[in-house]
């Protein structure tokens, strides 16, 4: 059961007012003070309200880490020649 459903059951138990889940959610969005009475109603409603509040808290941003690549060693003249485009490409292998 999600927190809203738990709170709706607590609301109906405490007031005797049978309303739908949609009406209840709309009501608490318009008047959050309804949750004040439900917070002390029972342990289930207290936990449900805590869950709802945790969902609305901004999350801590992820900390970035810096990754550095090892510097490449300079190529020798021979490595540069063999790495030139077109050399060694499409050559049959023995």
C-alpha atoms as a PDB file:
ATOM      1  CA  UNK A   1       0.000   0.000   0.000  1.00  0.00           C
ATOM      2  CA  UNK A   2       1.432   3.397  -0.914  1.00  0.00           C
ATOM      3  CA  UNK A   3       1.660   6.281   1.601  1.00  0.00           C
ATOM      4  CA  UNK A   4      -1.346   8.111   0.147  1.00  0.00           C
ATOM      5  CA  UNK A   5      -3.583   5.059   0.607  1.00  0.00           C
ATOM      6  CA  UNK A   6      -2.407   4.586   4.187  1.00  0.00           C
ATOM      7  CA  UNK A   7      -3.147   8.236   4.935  1.00  0.00           C
ATOM      8  CA  UNK A   8      -6.564   8.019   3.285  1.00  0.00           C
ATOM      9  CA  UNK A   9      -7.488   5.081   5.536  1.00  0.00           C
ATOM     10  CA  UNK A  10      -6.296   7.021   8.581  1.00  0.00           C
ATOM     11  CA  UNK A  11      -8.265  10.073   7.447  1.00  0.00           C
ATOM     12  CA  UNK A  12     -11.456   8.029   7.002  1.00  0.00           C
ATOM     13  CA  UNK A  13     -10.921   6.380  10.411  1.00  0.00           C
ATOM     14  CA  UNK A  14     -10.388   9.708  12.142  1.00  0.00           C
ATOM     15  CA  UNK A  15     -13.189  11.682  10.455  1.00  0.00           C
ATOM     16  CA  UNK A  16     -15.694   9.123   9.182  1.00  0.00           C
ATOM     17  CA  UNK A  17     -15.665  11.066   5.903  1.00  0.00           C
ATOM     18  CA  UNK A  18     -15.604   8.525   3.027  1.00  0.00           C
ATOM     19  CA  UNK A  19     -13.774  10.159   0.111  1.00  0.00           C
ATOM     20  CA  UNK A  20     -11.848   8.819  -2.868  1.00  0.00           C
ATOM     21  CA  UNK A  21      -8.076   8.719  -3.065  1.00  0.00           C
ATOM     22  CA  UNK A  22      -8.108  11.416  -5.762  1.00  0.00           C
ATOM     23  CA  UNK A  23     -10.230  13.713  -3.568  1.00  0.00           C
ATOM     24  CA  UNK A  24      -7.933  13.080  -0.622  1.00  0.00           C
ATOM     25  CA  UNK A  25      -4.746  13.827  -2.575  1.00  0.00           C
ATOM     26  CA  UNK A  26      -6.326  17.007  -3.931  1.00  0.00           C
ATOM     27  CA  UNK A  27      -7.368  18.000  -0.416  1.00  0.00           C
ATOM     28  CA  UNK A  28      -3.897  17.566   1.105  1.00  0.00           C
ATOM     29  CA  UNK A  29      -2.342  19.442  -1.816  1.00  0.00           C
ATOM     30  CA  UNK A  30      -4.698  22.376  -1.149  1.00  0.00           C
ATOM     31  CA  UNK A  31      -4.525  22.187   2.648  1.00  0.00           C
ATOM     32  CA  UNK A  32      -1.420  20.399   3.952  1.00  0.00           C
ATOM     33  CA  UNK A  33      -2.525  21.064   7.553  1.00  0.00           C
ATOM     34  CA  UNK A  34      -4.717  17.946   7.210  1.00  0.00           C
ATOM     35  CA  UNK A  35      -1.485  15.985   7.566  1.00  0.00           C
ATOM     36  CA  UNK A  36      -0.826  17.566  10.977  1.00  0.00           C
ATOM     37  CA  UNK A  37      -3.757  15.702  12.546  1.00  0.00           C
ATOM     38  CA  UNK A  38      -2.906  12.472  10.753  1.00  0.00           C
ATOM     39  CA  UNK A  39       0.738  12.592  11.868  1.00  0.00           C
ATOM     40  CA  UNK A  40      -0.298  11.879  15.450  1.00  0.00           C
ATOM     41  CA  UNK A  41      -3.173   9.521  14.567  1.00  0.00           C
ATOM     42  CA  UNK A  42      -1.108   6.303  14.509  1.00  0.00           C
ATOM     43  CA  UNK A  43       2.360   4.969  13.712  1.00  0.00           C
ATOM     44  CA  UNK A  44       1.392   3.914  10.182  1.00  0.00           C
ATOM     45  CA  UNK A  45       0.221   7.390   9.224  1.00  0.00           C
ATOM     46  CA  UNK A  46       3.327   8.939  10.806  1.00  0.00           C
ATOM     47  CA  UNK A  47       5.579   6.655   8.723  1.00  0.00           C
ATOM     48  CA  UNK A  48       3.537   7.364   5.586  1.00  0.00           C
ATOM     49  CA  UNK A  49       3.888  11.129   6.057  1.00  0.00           C
ATOM     50  CA  UNK A  50       7.625  10.729   6.670  1.00  0.00           C
ATOM     51  CA  UNK A  51       7.885   8.743   3.414  1.00  0.00           C
ATOM     52  CA  UNK A  52       6.015  11.440   1.496  1.00  0.00           C
ATOM     53  CA  UNK A  53       8.251  14.149   2.921  1.00  0.00           C
ATOM     54  CA  UNK A  54      11.390  12.163   2.050  1.00  0.00           C
ATOM     55  CA  UNK A  55      10.190  11.893  -1.561  1.00  0.00           C
ATOM     56  CA  UNK A  56       9.809  15.663  -1.852  1.00  0.00           C
ATOM     57  CA  UNK A  57      13.185  16.601  -0.362  1.00  0.00           C
ATOM     58  CA  UNK A  58      15.774  17.672  -2.910  1.00  0.00           C
ATOM     59  CA  UNK A  59      18.384  15.020  -3.431  1.00  0.00           C
ATOM     60  CA  UNK A  60      22.033  15.732  -2.745  1.00  0.00           C
ATOM     61  CA  UNK A  61      23.840  16.326  -6.031  1.00  0.00           C
ATOM     62  CA  UNK A  62      26.330  13.749  -7.160  1.00  0.00           C
ATOM     63  CA  UNK A  63      29.870  14.879  -6.582  1.00  0.00           C
ATOM     64  CA  UNK A  64      32.025  14.951  -9.671  1.00  0.00           C
ATOM     65  CA  UNK A  65      35.420  13.356  -9.716  1.00  0.00           C
ATOM     66  CA  UNK A  66      38.226  14.343 -12.003  1.00  0.00           C
ATOM     67  CA  UNK A  67      39.791  11.596 -14.052  1.00  0.00           C
ATOM     68  CA  UNK A  68      43.072  12.350 -15.709  1.00  0.00           C
ATOM     69  CA  UNK A  69      44.629  10.228 -18.406  1.00  0.00           C
ATOM     70  CA  UNK A  70      48.298   9.515 -18.334  1.00  0.00           C
ATOM     71  CA  UNK A  71      50.131  11.700 -20.820  1.00  0.00           C
ATOM     72  CA  UNK A  72      51.095   9.902 -23.992  1.00  0.00           C
ATOM     73  CA  UNK A  73      54.786   9.575 -24.632  1.00  0.00           C
ATOM     74  CA  UNK A  74      55.940  11.232 -27.826  1.00  0.00           C
ATOM     75  CA  UNK A  75      56.193   8.876 -30.789  1.00  0.00           C
ATOM     76  CA  UNK A  76      59.514   8.154 -32.343  1.00  0.00           C
ATOM     77  CA  UNK A  77      60.067   9.018 -35.992  1.00  0.00           C
ATOM     78  CA  UNK A  78      59.640   5.345 -36.978  1.00  0.00           C
ATOM     79  CA  UNK A  79      56.374   5.059 -35.025  1.00  0.00           C
ATOM     80  CA  UNK A  80      55.128   8.208 -36.688  1.00  0.00           C
ATOM     81  CA  UNK A  81      55.904   6.819 -40.162  1.00  0.00           C
ATOM     82  CA  UNK A  82      54.160   3.509 -39.523  1.00  0.00           C
ATOM     83  CA  UNK A  83      51.208   5.274 -37.980  1.00  0.00           C
ATOM     84  CA  UNK A  84      50.733   7.469 -41.041  1.00  0.00           C
ATOM     85  CA  UNK A  85      47.378   6.986 -42.775  1.00  0.00           C
ATOM     86  CA  UNK A  86      47.414   4.474 -45.602  1.00  0.00           C
ATOM     87  CA  UNK A  87      50.589   2.687 -44.586  1.00  0.00           C
ATOM     88  CA  UNK A  88      50.004  -0.921 -43.659  1.00  0.00           C
ATOM     89  CA  UNK A  89      46.290  -0.762 -44.395  1.00  0.00           C
ATOM     90  CA  UNK A  90      44.649  -3.386 -46.577  1.00  0.00           C
ATOM     91  CA  UNK A  91      47.885  -5.343 -46.811  1.00  0.00           C
ATOM     92  CA  UNK A  92      47.513  -9.119 -46.978  1.00  0.00           C
ATOM     93  CA  UNK A  93      48.730 -10.857 -43.862  1.00  0.00           C
ATOM     94  CA  UNK A  94      51.020 -13.879 -44.150  1.00  0.00           C
END
